C-alpha atoms as a PDB file:
ATOM      1  CA  MET A   1      59.204  75.309 103.566  1.00  0.00           C
ATOM      2  CA  ARG A   2      63.264  74.433 102.970  1.00  0.00           C
ATOM      3  CA  ARG A   3      65.808  75.157 105.952  1.00  0.00           C
ATOM      4  CA  ASN A   4      68.495  77.000 104.843  1.00  0.00           C
ATOM      5  CA  ILE A   5      71.991  77.589 107.411  1.00  0.00           C
ATOM      6  CA  PHE A   6      74.490  80.840 106.302  1.00  0.00           C
ATOM      7  CA  ILE A   7      77.664  81.033 107.989  1.00  0.00           C
ATOM      8  CA  ALA A   8      79.477  84.207 108.252  1.00  0.00           C
ATOM      9  CA  SER A   9      82.754  84.967 109.913  1.00  0.00           C
ATOM     10  CA  THR A  10      83.330  88.540 108.069  1.00  0.00           C
ATOM     11  CA  PRO A  11      81.262  91.684 107.510  1.00  0.00           C
ATOM     12  CA  LEU A  12      81.512  91.095 103.817  1.00  0.00           C
ATOM     13  CA  GLN A  13      80.510  87.323 104.157  1.00  0.00           C
ATOM     14  CA  LEU A  14      77.437  88.365 106.107  1.00  0.00           C
ATOM     15  CA  LEU A  15      77.051  91.154 103.842  1.00  0.00           C
ATOM     16  CA  ASN A  16      77.076  88.284 100.883  1.00  0.00           C
ATOM     17  CA  ALA A  17      74.725  85.917 103.108  1.00  0.00           C
ATOM     18  CA  ILE A  18      72.314  88.340 103.338  1.00  0.00           C
ATOM     19  CA  GLU A  19      72.116  89.097  99.545  1.00  0.00           C
ATOM     20  CA  ALA A  20      72.053  85.227  99.061  1.00  0.00           C
ATOM     21  CA  ARG A  21      68.920  85.008 101.467  1.00  0.00           C
ATOM     22  CA  ASP A  22      66.847  87.673  99.779  1.00  0.00           C
ATOM     23  CA  ARG A  23      67.738  86.756  96.517  1.00  0.00           C
ATOM     24  CA  PHE A  24      67.273  82.906  96.366  1.00  0.00           C
ATOM     25  CA  HIS A  25      65.411  81.875  99.710  1.00  0.00           C
ATOM     26  CA  ALA A  26      63.262  84.988 100.710  1.00  0.00           C
ATOM     27  CA  LEU A  27      60.302  82.286 101.613  1.00  0.00           C
ATOM     28  CA  ASP A  28      62.560  79.940 103.186  1.00  0.00           C
ATOM     29  CA  GLU A  29      63.631  79.183 106.760  1.00  0.00           C
ATOM     30  CA  ASN A  30      66.836  80.535 107.205  1.00  0.00           C
ATOM     31  CA  HIS A  31      69.218  80.632 109.843  1.00  0.00           C
ATOM     32  CA  LEU A  32      72.700  82.321 110.727  1.00  0.00           C
ATOM     33  CA  ALA A  33      75.853  81.550 112.546  1.00  0.00           C
ATOM     34  CA  VAL A  34      78.236  83.711 112.953  1.00  0.00           C
ATOM     35  CA  ILE A  35      81.711  82.115 114.096  1.00  0.00           C
ATOM     36  CA  ARG A  36      84.235  84.638 114.805  1.00  0.00           C
ATOM     37  CA  THR A  37      87.721  83.370 116.016  1.00  0.00           C
ATOM     38  CA  PRO A  38      89.639  85.565 118.122  1.00  0.00           C
ATOM     39  CA  LEU A  39      91.917  88.600 116.991  1.00  0.00           C
ATOM     40  CA  ARG A  40      95.115  89.152 118.699  1.00  0.00           C
ATOM     41  CA  SER A  41      93.638  92.501 120.084  1.00  0.00           C
ATOM     42  CA  GLY A  42      91.089  92.440 122.328  1.00  0.00           C
ATOM     43  CA  ALA A  43      89.822  95.818 121.314  1.00  0.00           C
ATOM     44  CA  ARG A  44      89.832  95.333 117.416  1.00  0.00           C
ATOM     45  CA  MET A  45      87.896  92.260 118.712  1.00  0.00           C
ATOM     46  CA  ARG A  46      85.221  93.981 120.416  1.00  0.00           C
ATOM     47  CA  HIS A  47      85.036  96.379 117.443  1.00  0.00           C
ATOM     48  CA  TYR A  48      84.782  93.659 114.928  1.00  0.00           C
ATOM     49  CA  ARG A  49      82.282  91.484 116.801  1.00  0.00           C
ATOM     50  CA  ASP A  50      80.150  94.845 117.370  1.00  0.00           C
ATOM     51  CA  LEU A  51      80.316  95.519 113.335  1.00  0.00           C
ATOM     52  CA  LEU A  52      79.107  92.174 112.846  1.00  0.00           C
ATOM     53  CA  ALA A  53      76.011  92.316 115.396  1.00  0.00           C
ATOM     54  CA  SER A  54      75.275  95.738 114.126  1.00  0.00           C
ATOM     55  CA  MET A  55      74.419  93.578 110.549  1.00  0.00           C
ATOM     56  CA  ILE A  56      72.020  91.022 111.840  1.00  0.00           C
ATOM     57  CA  ASP A  57      68.952  91.861 110.736  1.00  0.00           C
ATOM     58  CA  SER A  58      65.246  90.721 112.043  1.00  0.00           C
ATOM     59  CA  ASP A  59      64.817  88.089 108.858  1.00  0.00           C
ATOM     60  CA  TRP A  60      66.702  85.288 110.482  1.00  0.00           C
ATOM     61  CA  GLN A  61      64.785  82.406 111.877  1.00  0.00           C
ATOM     62  CA  SER A  62      67.208  82.075 114.584  1.00  0.00           C
ATOM     63  CA  CYS A  63      71.037  83.664 114.957  1.00  0.00           C
ATOM     64  CA  TRP A  64      73.534  81.794 116.837  1.00  0.00           C
ATOM     65  CA  PHE A  65      76.509  84.089 117.514  1.00  0.00           C
ATOM     66  CA  PRO A  66      78.796  82.620 120.096  1.00  0.00           C
ATOM     67  CA  ARG A  67      81.487  84.201 121.643  1.00  0.00           C
ATOM     68  CA  ILE A  68      84.695  81.766 121.295  1.00  0.00           C
ATOM     69  CA  ASN A  69      88.109  82.397 122.809  1.00  0.00           C
ATOM     70  CA  LYS A  70      90.900  80.081 122.264  1.00  0.00           C
ATOM     71  CA  CYS A  71      90.180  77.215 124.398  1.00  0.00           C
ATOM     72  CA  MET A  72      86.880  77.009 122.660  1.00  0.00           C
ATOM     73  CA  GLN A  73      88.286  77.127 119.311  1.00  0.00           C
ATOM     74  CA  VAL A  74      90.084  73.976 120.035  1.00  0.00           C
ATOM     75  CA  GLY A  75      86.939  72.534 121.940  1.00  0.00           C
ATOM     76  CA  PHE A  76      84.801  73.795 118.865  1.00  0.00           C
ATOM     77  CA  ARG A  77      82.960  70.275 118.710  1.00  0.00           C
ATOM     78  CA  LEU A  78      81.445  70.632 122.534  1.00  0.00           C
ATOM     79  CA  THR A  79      80.850  74.175 121.590  1.00  0.00           C
ATOM     80  CA  ALA A  80      79.026  73.371 118.644  1.00  0.00           C
ATOM     81  CA  THR A  81      77.066  70.361 120.109  1.00  0.00           C
ATOM     82  CA  ARG A  82      73.639  72.092 120.971  1.00  0.00           C
ATOM     83  CA  TYR A  83      73.516  74.315 118.047  1.00  0.00           C
ATOM     84  CA  LEU A  84      73.493  70.735 115.844  1.00  0.00           C
ATOM     85  CA  ARG A  85      71.128  69.166 117.842  1.00  0.00           C
ATOM     86  CA  GLN A  86      68.803  72.036 116.935  1.00  0.00           C
ATOM     87  CA  ILE A  87      69.496  71.993 113.454  1.00  0.00           C
ATOM     88  CA  PRO A  88      70.608  68.794 112.317  1.00  0.00           C
ATOM     89  CA  THR A  89      69.585  69.055 108.752  1.00  0.00           C
ATOM     90  CA  ALA A  90      69.279  71.607 105.897  1.00  0.00           C
ATOM     91  CA  ASP A  91      68.242  72.029 102.249  1.00  0.00           C
ATOM     92  CA  ALA A  92      71.386  74.505 101.612  1.00  0.00           C
ATOM     93  CA  ILE A  93      74.396  75.394 103.591  1.00  0.00           C
ATOM     94  CA  TYR A  94      76.155  78.851 102.643  1.00  0.00           C
ATOM     95  CA  VAL A  95      79.565  79.273 104.267  1.00  0.00           C
ATOM     96  CA  GLY A  96      82.257  82.139 103.424  1.00  0.00           C
ATOM     97  CA  SER A  97      85.393  80.344 104.219  1.00  0.00           C
ATOM     98  CA  PHE A  98      86.600  77.111 105.316  1.00  0.00           C
ATOM     99  CA  GLN A  99      88.346  77.057 108.528  1.00  0.00           C
ATOM    100  CA  THR A 100      87.950  74.218 111.209  1.00  0.00           C
ATOM    101  CA  ALA A 101      85.054  75.663 112.866  1.00  0.00           C
ATOM    102  CA  GLN A 102      83.003  75.992 109.797  1.00  0.00           C
ATOM    103  CA  CYS A 103      84.100  72.546 108.332  1.00  0.00           C
ATOM    104  CA  HIS A 104      82.923  70.939 111.521  1.00  0.00           C
ATOM    105  CA  LEU A 105      79.301  72.790 110.905  1.00  0.00           C
ATOM    106  CA  ILE A 106      79.175  71.611 107.315  1.00  0.00           C
ATOM    107  CA  ASN A 107      80.583  68.117 107.577  1.00  0.00           C
ATOM    108  CA  SER A 108      77.961  67.829 110.566  1.00  0.00           C
ATOM    109  CA  ILE A 109      75.028  68.725 109.203  1.00  0.00           C
ATOM    110  CA  ARG A 110      73.120  67.171 106.493  1.00  0.00           C
ATOM    111  CA  HIS A 111      72.522  69.114 103.678  1.00  0.00           C
ATOM    112  CA  ASN A 112      71.711  68.879  99.875  1.00  0.00           C
ATOM    113  CA  GLN A 113      73.961  71.632  98.300  1.00  0.00           C
ATOM    114  CA  LEU A 114      77.055  73.447 100.105  1.00  0.00           C
ATOM    115  CA  VAL A 115      77.845  77.160  98.122  1.00  0.00           C
ATOM    116  CA  LEU A 116      80.755  79.145  98.888  1.00  0.00           C
ATOM    117  CA  LEU A 117      80.264  83.130  99.596  1.00  0.00           C
ATOM    118  CA  ASP A 118      82.603  85.957  98.556  1.00  0.00           C
ATOM    119  CA  ASP A 119      84.855  87.236 100.997  1.00  0.00           C
ATOM    120  CA  GLY A 120      86.532  89.404  98.606  1.00  0.00           C
ATOM    121  CA  CYS A 121      89.464  88.395  96.288  1.00  0.00           C
ATOM    122  CA  GLY A 122      90.457  85.810  98.987  1.00  0.00           C
ATOM    123  CA  ILE A 123      87.973  83.650  97.008  1.00  0.00           C
ATOM    124  CA  HIS A 124      90.417  82.675  94.605  1.00  0.00           C
ATOM    125  CA  ALA A 125      93.070  81.500  97.067  1.00  0.00           C
ATOM    126  CA  VAL A 126      89.770  79.348  99.022  1.00  0.00           C
ATOM    127  CA  LEU A 127      88.911  77.554  95.634  1.00  0.00           C
ATOM    128  CA  ASN A 128      92.495  76.916  94.824  1.00  0.00           C
ATOM    129  CA  GLN A 129      92.650  75.143  98.380  1.00  0.00           C
ATOM    130  CA  ILE A 130      89.597  73.061  97.682  1.00  0.00           C
ATOM    131  CA  LYS A 131      91.092  72.416  94.009  1.00  0.00           C
ATOM    132  CA  ASN A 132      94.565  71.161  95.610  1.00  0.00           C
ATOM    133  CA  SER A 133      93.602  69.698  99.000  1.00  0.00           C
ATOM    134  CA  SER A 134      94.420  65.892  99.771  1.00  0.00           C
ATOM    135  CA  ASN A 135      91.321  65.811 102.469  1.00  0.00           C
ATOM    136  CA  HIS A 136      93.679  64.154 105.095  1.00  0.00           C
ATOM    137  CA  THR A 137      92.356  64.933 108.239  1.00  0.00           C
ATOM    138  CA  PRO A 138      95.292  66.095 110.849  1.00  0.00           C
ATOM    139  CA  TRP A 139      95.885  64.412 113.927  1.00  0.00           C
ATOM    140  CA  SER A 140      94.867  67.508 116.058  1.00  0.00           C
ATOM    141  CA  HIS A 141      91.457  67.129 114.339  1.00  0.00           C
ATOM    142  CA  ARG A 142      91.037  63.355 115.334  1.00  0.00           C
ATOM    143  CA  LEU A 143      92.356  64.150 118.822  1.00  0.00           C
ATOM    144  CA  THR A 144      89.558  66.898 119.550  1.00  0.00           C
ATOM    145  CA  PHE A 145      86.793  64.979 117.450  1.00  0.00           C
ATOM    146  CA  ARG A 146      86.460  67.837 115.156  1.00  0.00           C
ATOM    147  CA  LYS A 147      85.274  67.140 111.562  1.00  0.00           C
ATOM    148  CA  GLY A 148      87.315  69.535 109.656  1.00  0.00           C
ATOM    149  CA  ASN A 149      87.612  67.999 106.133  1.00  0.00           C
ATOM    150  CA  LEU A 150      87.017  70.303 103.146  1.00  0.00           C
ATOM    151  CA  PRO A 151      84.600  69.676 100.524  1.00  0.00           C
ATOM    152  CA  GLU A 152      84.759  67.799  97.528  1.00  0.00           C
ATOM    153  CA  PRO A 153      85.145  70.362  94.309  1.00  0.00           C
ATOM    154  CA  SER A 154      82.442  68.783  92.496  1.00  0.00           C
ATOM    155  CA  SER A 155      79.784  69.305  95.413  1.00  0.00           C
ATOM    156  CA  LEU A 156      80.775  73.076  96.097  1.00  0.00           C
ATOM    157  CA  LYS A 157      78.525  75.499  94.248  1.00  0.00           C
ATOM    158  CA  VAL A 158      79.953  79.368  94.302  1.00  0.00           C
ATOM    159  CA  PHE A 159      78.219  82.697  94.580  1.00  0.00           C
ATOM    160  CA  SER A 160      80.451  85.390  93.750  1.00  0.00           C
ATOM    161  CA  CYS A 161      81.045  88.741  92.192  1.00  0.00           C
ATOM    162  CA  PHE A 162      84.678  87.851  91.061  1.00  0.00           C
ATOM    163  CA  ASP A 163      85.759  85.902  87.863  1.00  0.00           C
ATOM    164  CA  VAL A 164      86.666  82.937  89.566  1.00  0.00           C
ATOM    165  CA  ASP A 165      88.174  79.517  87.583  1.00  0.00           C
ATOM    166  CA  TRP A 166      85.543  77.309  88.566  1.00  0.00           C
ATOM    167  CA  PRO A 167      83.025  75.136  86.503  1.00  0.00           C
ATOM    168  CA  HIS A 168      79.949  77.707  84.960  1.00  0.00           C
ATOM    169  CA  SER A 169      77.625  75.138  85.890  1.00  0.00           C
ATOM    170  CA  LEU A 170      78.489  75.712  89.723  1.00  0.00           C
ATOM    171  CA  LEU A 171      78.465  79.153  89.720  1.00  0.00           C
ATOM    172  CA  THR A 172      76.139  82.202  89.951  1.00  0.00           C
ATOM    173  CA  ARG A 173      77.345  85.878  89.312  1.00  0.00           C
ATOM    174  CA  ASN A 174      76.399  87.947  92.551  1.00  0.00           C
ATOM    175  CA  ASP A 175      75.514  91.371  91.288  1.00  0.00           C
ATOM    176  CA  TYR A 176      74.205  92.747  94.691  1.00  0.00           C
ATOM    177  CA  ARG A 177      70.588  93.360  92.701  1.00  0.00           C
ATOM    178  CA  CYS A 178      69.114  92.856  95.947  1.00  0.00           C
ATOM    179  CA  LEU A 179      71.392  95.563  97.679  1.00  0.00           C
ATOM    180  CA  ARG A 180      70.941  97.857  94.766  1.00  0.00           C
ATOM    181  CA  ARG A 181      67.044  97.511  94.991  1.00  0.00           C
ATOM    182  CA  ARG A 182      67.452  99.198  98.546  1.00  0.00           C
ATOM    183  CA  LEU A 183      68.865 102.274  97.009  1.00  0.00           C
ATOM    184  CA  GLN A 184      65.594 104.156  96.459  1.00  0.00           C
ATOM    185  CA  GLU A 185      66.846 107.295  95.103  1.00  0.00           C
ATOM    186  CA  GLU A 186      69.830 108.469  93.494  1.00  0.00           C
ATOM    187  CA  ILE A 187      72.813 109.367  96.209  1.00  0.00           C
ATOM    188  CA  ALA A 188      74.588 113.030  95.767  1.00  0.00           C
ATOM    189  CA  VAL A 189      77.995 112.889  94.642  1.00  0.00           C
ATOM    190  CA  ARG A 190      80.868 115.005  95.979  1.00  0.00           C
ATOM    191  CA  SER A 191      82.656 115.824  92.751  1.00  0.00           C
ATOM    192  CA  ASP A 192      85.697 117.191  95.044  1.00  0.00           C
ATOM    193  CA  GLU A 193      86.424 114.038  96.787  1.00  0.00           C
ATOM    194  CA  ALA A 194      88.347 110.920  96.423  1.00  0.00           C
ATOM    195  CA  VAL A 195      87.790 107.981  99.296  1.00  0.00           C
ATOM    196  CA  PHE A 196      90.688 105.978  99.679  1.00  0.00           C
ATOM    197  CA  ILE A 197      90.281 102.309 100.840  1.00  0.00           C
ATOM    198  CA  CYS A 198      93.139 101.269 103.372  1.00  0.00           C
ATOM    199  CA  GLN A 199      94.515  98.199 104.120  1.00  0.00           C
ATOM    200  CA  PRO A 200      96.999  96.532 106.352  1.00  0.00           C
ATOM    201  CA  ILE A 201      99.314  95.950 103.949  1.00  0.00           C
ATOM    202  CA  ALA A 202     102.415  96.851 106.244  1.00  0.00           C
ATOM    203  CA  ASN A 203     101.991  93.876 108.196  1.00  0.00           C
ATOM    204  CA  GLU A 204     100.490  91.133 105.387  1.00  0.00           C
ATOM    205  CA  ILE A 205     102.975  91.830 102.765  1.00  0.00           C
ATOM    206  CA  GLY A 206     105.659  94.004 104.554  1.00  0.00           C
ATOM    207  CA  PHE A 207     104.859  96.840 101.833  1.00  0.00           C
ATOM    208  CA  SER A 208     105.096 100.347 103.266  1.00  0.00           C
ATOM    209  CA  ALA A 209     103.707 103.088 101.522  1.00  0.00           C
ATOM    210  CA  ASP A 210     104.125 107.065 101.651  1.00  0.00           C
ATOM    211  CA  TYR A 211     100.994 108.266 102.168  1.00  0.00           C
ATOM    212  CA  ASP A 212     101.812 112.010 102.062  1.00  0.00           C
ATOM    213  CA  TYR A 213     103.228 111.057  97.994  1.00  0.00           C
ATOM    214  CA  LEU A 214      99.708 109.193  97.528  1.00  0.00           C
ATOM    215  CA  ARG A 215      97.829 111.826  98.460  1.00  0.00           C
ATOM    216  CA  SER A 216      99.298 114.277  95.910  1.00  0.00           C
ATOM    217  CA  MET A 217      99.360 111.263  93.517  1.00  0.00           C
ATOM    218  CA  VAL A 218      95.677 110.574  93.961  1.00  0.00           C
ATOM    219  CA  LEU A 219      94.573 114.068  93.584  1.00  0.00           C
ATOM    220  CA  ALA A 220      96.495 114.657  90.553  1.00  0.00           C
ATOM    221  CA  GLN A 221      94.870 111.627  88.755  1.00  0.00           C
ATOM    222  CA  THR A 222      91.337 112.332  89.904  1.00  0.00           C
ATOM    223  CA  LYS A 223      91.686 116.175  89.939  1.00  0.00           C
ATOM    224  CA  CYS A 224      89.840 116.020  93.188  1.00  0.00           C
ATOM    225  CA  LYS A 225      90.616 118.895  96.393  1.00  0.00           C
ATOM    226  CA  SER A 226      90.523 116.548  99.267  1.00  0.00           C
ATOM    227  CA  LEU A 227      91.024 112.548  99.784  1.00  0.00           C
ATOM    228  CA  ARG A 228      89.381 110.578 102.662  1.00  0.00           C
ATOM    229  CA  PHE A 229      91.137 107.579 104.161  1.00  0.00           C
ATOM    230  CA  ILE A 230      89.166 104.699 105.617  1.00  0.00           C
ATOM    231  CA  ASN A 231      91.061 102.375 107.758  1.00  0.00           C
ATOM    232  CA  HIS A 232      90.522  98.504 107.622  1.00  0.00           C
ATOM    233  CA  PRO A 233      88.631  97.343 110.572  1.00  0.00           C
ATOM    234  CA  LYS A 234      91.423  94.887 111.461  1.00  0.00           C
ATOM    235  CA  ASP A 235      94.083  97.124 110.754  1.00  0.00           C
ATOM    236  CA  PRO A 236      96.593  96.791 114.049  1.00  0.00           C
ATOM    237  CA  ASN A 237      98.202 100.223 112.835  1.00  0.00           C
ATOM    238  CA  PRO A 238      95.577 102.366 111.415  1.00  0.00           C
ATOM    239  CA  LEU A 239      96.108 105.876 110.007  1.00  0.00           C
ATOM    240  CA  GLN A 240      95.688 108.350 112.603  1.00  0.00           C
ATOM    241  CA  GLU A 241      93.834 110.903 110.036  1.00  0.00           C
ATOM    242  CA  GLY A 242      91.717 107.739 108.839  1.00  0.00           C
ATOM    243  CA  ASP A 243      88.450 107.032 109.799  1.00  0.00           C
ATOM    244  CA  THR A 244      87.268 103.394 111.151  1.00  0.00           C
ATOM    245  CA  LEU A 245      83.728 102.941 110.057  1.00  0.00           C
ATOM    246  CA  PRO A 246      80.902 101.027 112.196  1.00  0.00           C
ATOM    247  CA  TYR A 247      79.621  99.454 108.982  1.00  0.00           C
ATOM    248  CA  PRO A 248      81.200  97.354 105.906  1.00  0.00           C
ATOM    249  CA  ILE A 249      82.720  99.838 103.413  1.00  0.00           C
ATOM    250  CA  GLU A 250      80.153  98.122 100.846  1.00  0.00           C
ATOM    251  CA  LEU A 251      77.249 100.257 102.859  1.00  0.00           C
ATOM    252  CA  PHE A 252      78.992 103.575 102.270  1.00  0.00           C
ATOM    253  CA  GLY A 253      76.654 105.586 100.177  1.00  0.00           C
ATOM    254  CA  LEU A 254      73.890 103.876 102.136  1.00  0.00           C
ATOM    255  CA  GLN A 255      75.204 105.150 105.760  1.00  0.00           C
ATOM    256  CA  GLU A 256      76.872 108.618 104.663  1.00  0.00           C
ATOM    257  CA  GLY A 257      74.379 109.564 102.170  1.00  0.00           C
ATOM    258  CA  TYR A 258      76.724 110.695  99.650  1.00  0.00           C
ATOM    259  CA  LEU A 259      79.314 109.124  97.022  1.00  0.00           C
ATOM    260  CA  PRO A 260      82.827 110.597  96.305  1.00  0.00           C
ATOM    261  CA  LYS A 261      84.369 111.052  92.841  1.00  0.00           C
ATOM    262  CA  TYR A 262      86.345 108.150  93.065  1.00  0.00           C
ATOM    263  CA  PHE A 263      87.004 105.007  95.190  1.00  0.00           C
ATOM    264  CA  VAL A 264      90.612 104.424  95.474  1.00  0.00           C
ATOM    265  CA  THR A 265      92.743 101.349  96.924  1.00  0.00           C
ATOM    266  CA  PHE A 266      96.182  99.323  96.496  1.00  0.00           C
ATOM    267  CA  CYS A 267      94.376  96.245  96.351  1.00  0.00           C
ATOM    268  CA  SER A 268      91.343  95.652  98.596  1.00  0.00           C
ATOM    269  CA  SER A 269      88.554  93.407  96.957  1.00  0.00           C
ATOM    270  CA  ALA A 270      85.976  96.001  98.260  1.00  0.00           C
ATOM    271  CA  ILE A 271      86.752  98.361  95.284  1.00  0.00           C
ATOM    272  CA  GLN A 272      85.250  95.999  92.988  1.00  0.00           C
ATOM    273  CA  THR A 273      81.929  95.349  94.738  1.00  0.00           C
ATOM    274  CA  LEU A 274      81.616  99.035  95.218  1.00  0.00           C
ATOM    275  CA  LYS A 275      81.743  99.620  91.525  1.00  0.00           C
ATOM    276  CA  ILE A 276      78.808  97.219  91.089  1.00  0.00           C
ATOM    277  CA  ILE A 277      76.882  98.418  93.855  1.00  0.00           C
ATOM    278  CA  TYR A 278      77.279 102.355  93.063  1.00  0.00           C
ATOM    279  CA  ASN A 279      78.893 102.316  89.837  1.00  0.00           C
ATOM    280  CA  ARG A 280      81.620 105.011  90.667  1.00  0.00           C
ATOM    281  CA  PRO A 281      84.745 105.348  88.806  1.00  0.00           C
ATOM    282  CA  SER A 282      87.582 103.626  90.748  1.00  0.00           C
ATOM    283  CA  LEU A 283      91.303 103.934  90.723  1.00  0.00           C
ATOM    284  CA  CYS A 284      93.691 101.095  91.733  1.00  0.00           C
ATOM    285  CA  LEU A 285      97.363 101.551  92.395  1.00  0.00           C
ATOM    286  CA  GLU A 286      99.380  98.599  91.582  1.00  0.00           C
ATOM    287  CA  ILE A 287     102.038  97.801  94.104  1.00  0.00           C
ATOM    288  CA  PRO A 288     105.787  97.479  92.728  1.00  0.00           C
ATOM    289  CA  SER A 289     106.839  93.851  92.898  1.00  0.00           C
ATOM    290  CA  LEU A 290     110.373  94.798  94.260  1.00  0.00           C
ATOM    291  CA  ASN A 291     110.827  93.377  97.908  1.00  0.00           C
ATOM    292  CA  ILE A 292     107.332  91.253  97.960  1.00  0.00           C
ATOM    293  CA  PRO A 293     107.318  87.783  98.364  1.00  0.00           C
ATOM    294  CA  MET A 294     106.577  85.702  95.293  1.00  0.00           C
ATOM    295  CA  ASN A 295     103.369  83.954  96.680  1.00  0.00           C
ATOM    296  CA  VAL A 296     102.050  87.774  97.014  1.00  0.00           C
ATOM    297  CA  GLN A 297     103.293  88.535  93.970  1.00  0.00           C
ATOM    298  CA  ASP A 298     101.188  85.751  92.331  1.00  0.00           C
ATOM    299  CA  HIS A 299      98.211  87.036  94.698  1.00  0.00           C
ATOM    300  CA  LEU A 300      98.509  90.576  93.699  1.00  0.00           C
ATOM    301  CA  ARG A 301      98.728  89.708  89.897  1.00  0.00           C
ATOM    302  CA  THR A 302      95.542  87.543  90.731  1.00  0.00           C
ATOM    303  CA  ILE A 303      93.667  90.650  91.803  1.00  0.00           C
ATOM    304  CA  TYR A 304      94.997  93.333  89.449  1.00  0.00           C
ATOM    305  CA  ARG A 305      93.949  90.821  86.523  1.00  0.00           C
ATOM    306  CA  ASP A 306      90.735  90.754  88.205  1.00  0.00           C
ATOM    307  CA  TYR A 307      90.165  94.620  88.492  1.00  0.00           C
ATOM    308  CA  ARG A 308      91.370  94.868  84.725  1.00  0.00           C
ATOM    309  CA  SER A 309      88.796  92.341  83.054  1.00  0.00           C
ATOM    310  CA  ASN A 310      86.089  93.973  85.410  1.00  0.00           C
ATOM    311  CA  GLY A 311      86.634  97.474  83.895  1.00  0.00           C
ATOM    312  CA  LEU A 312      88.692  98.734  87.053  1.00  0.00           C
ATOM    313  CA  HIS A 313      91.252 101.780  86.308  1.00  0.00           C
ATOM    314  CA  VAL A 314      94.837 100.232  87.567  1.00  0.00           C
ATOM    315  CA  ILE A 315      97.701 102.403  87.231  1.00  0.00           C
ATOM    316  CA  PRO A 316     101.337 101.602  88.615  1.00  0.00           C
ATOM    317  CA  TYR A 317     102.054 103.396  92.091  1.00  0.00           C
ATOM    318  CA  GLN A 318     105.667 104.673  91.772  1.00  0.00           C
END
């Protein structure tokens, strides 16, 4: 029996780890490591940790979910020592990001293949980071004996639902077939409701939306009577009228027992996975580039290009 290790840091990474486990390794010995580095807000960190914990099912051979504070983050080599002794080798390692802690595990466990999981549209930036890396070890990593080197591009496979720029031989499309199998019966659609997926865009890109105007715009475009706002779990200033879900938005239909007429967003990567899983119409509001940093403009262009190439409806927000 083959042994595989899945390293996840966010709810979406964990959702994709479960999808990869069930699709490729149902009969293998599968181990989960949830590496969640501290958030600035204690309350948000507790909610995020609880959200991750609620997604861990009984189909894992083992689950390592250490509580990591700022000091443990620097001394992660010591935190991981016991775990690495228990699982020194693996056939495959699946990982959703390449922060220092994740890289330390990857570089400490002998393995035959390494696979990158989706964590939303950020996968484009992660792959660019890999392609442009000089693989120089920072002095801080040497000082704390952390193995933070990034993998070589030629050794990295990708499991993604996005149109990523990566060699075809190293790319497997994630169509969420295992999750869709769990949709045992057709889910009812509320034809008068749209659901807007919020993001912390004011903090991340400095763009402030007028949500009263946004509501009227979306209702006019979708011909719906009501708009439900879903807050991002890491948003430090969530909408008071919005709902913070105790599960990943990708499980909306399974958990809520209904689907809206439209899913709507500015640039949430969830809009694409929701379309794949539930096949509902989507509306994406393209943020104007005025007064947005140049590097963010490039990132947003990549996101909206991805949306259009996958059949999502994109209109200017103006």
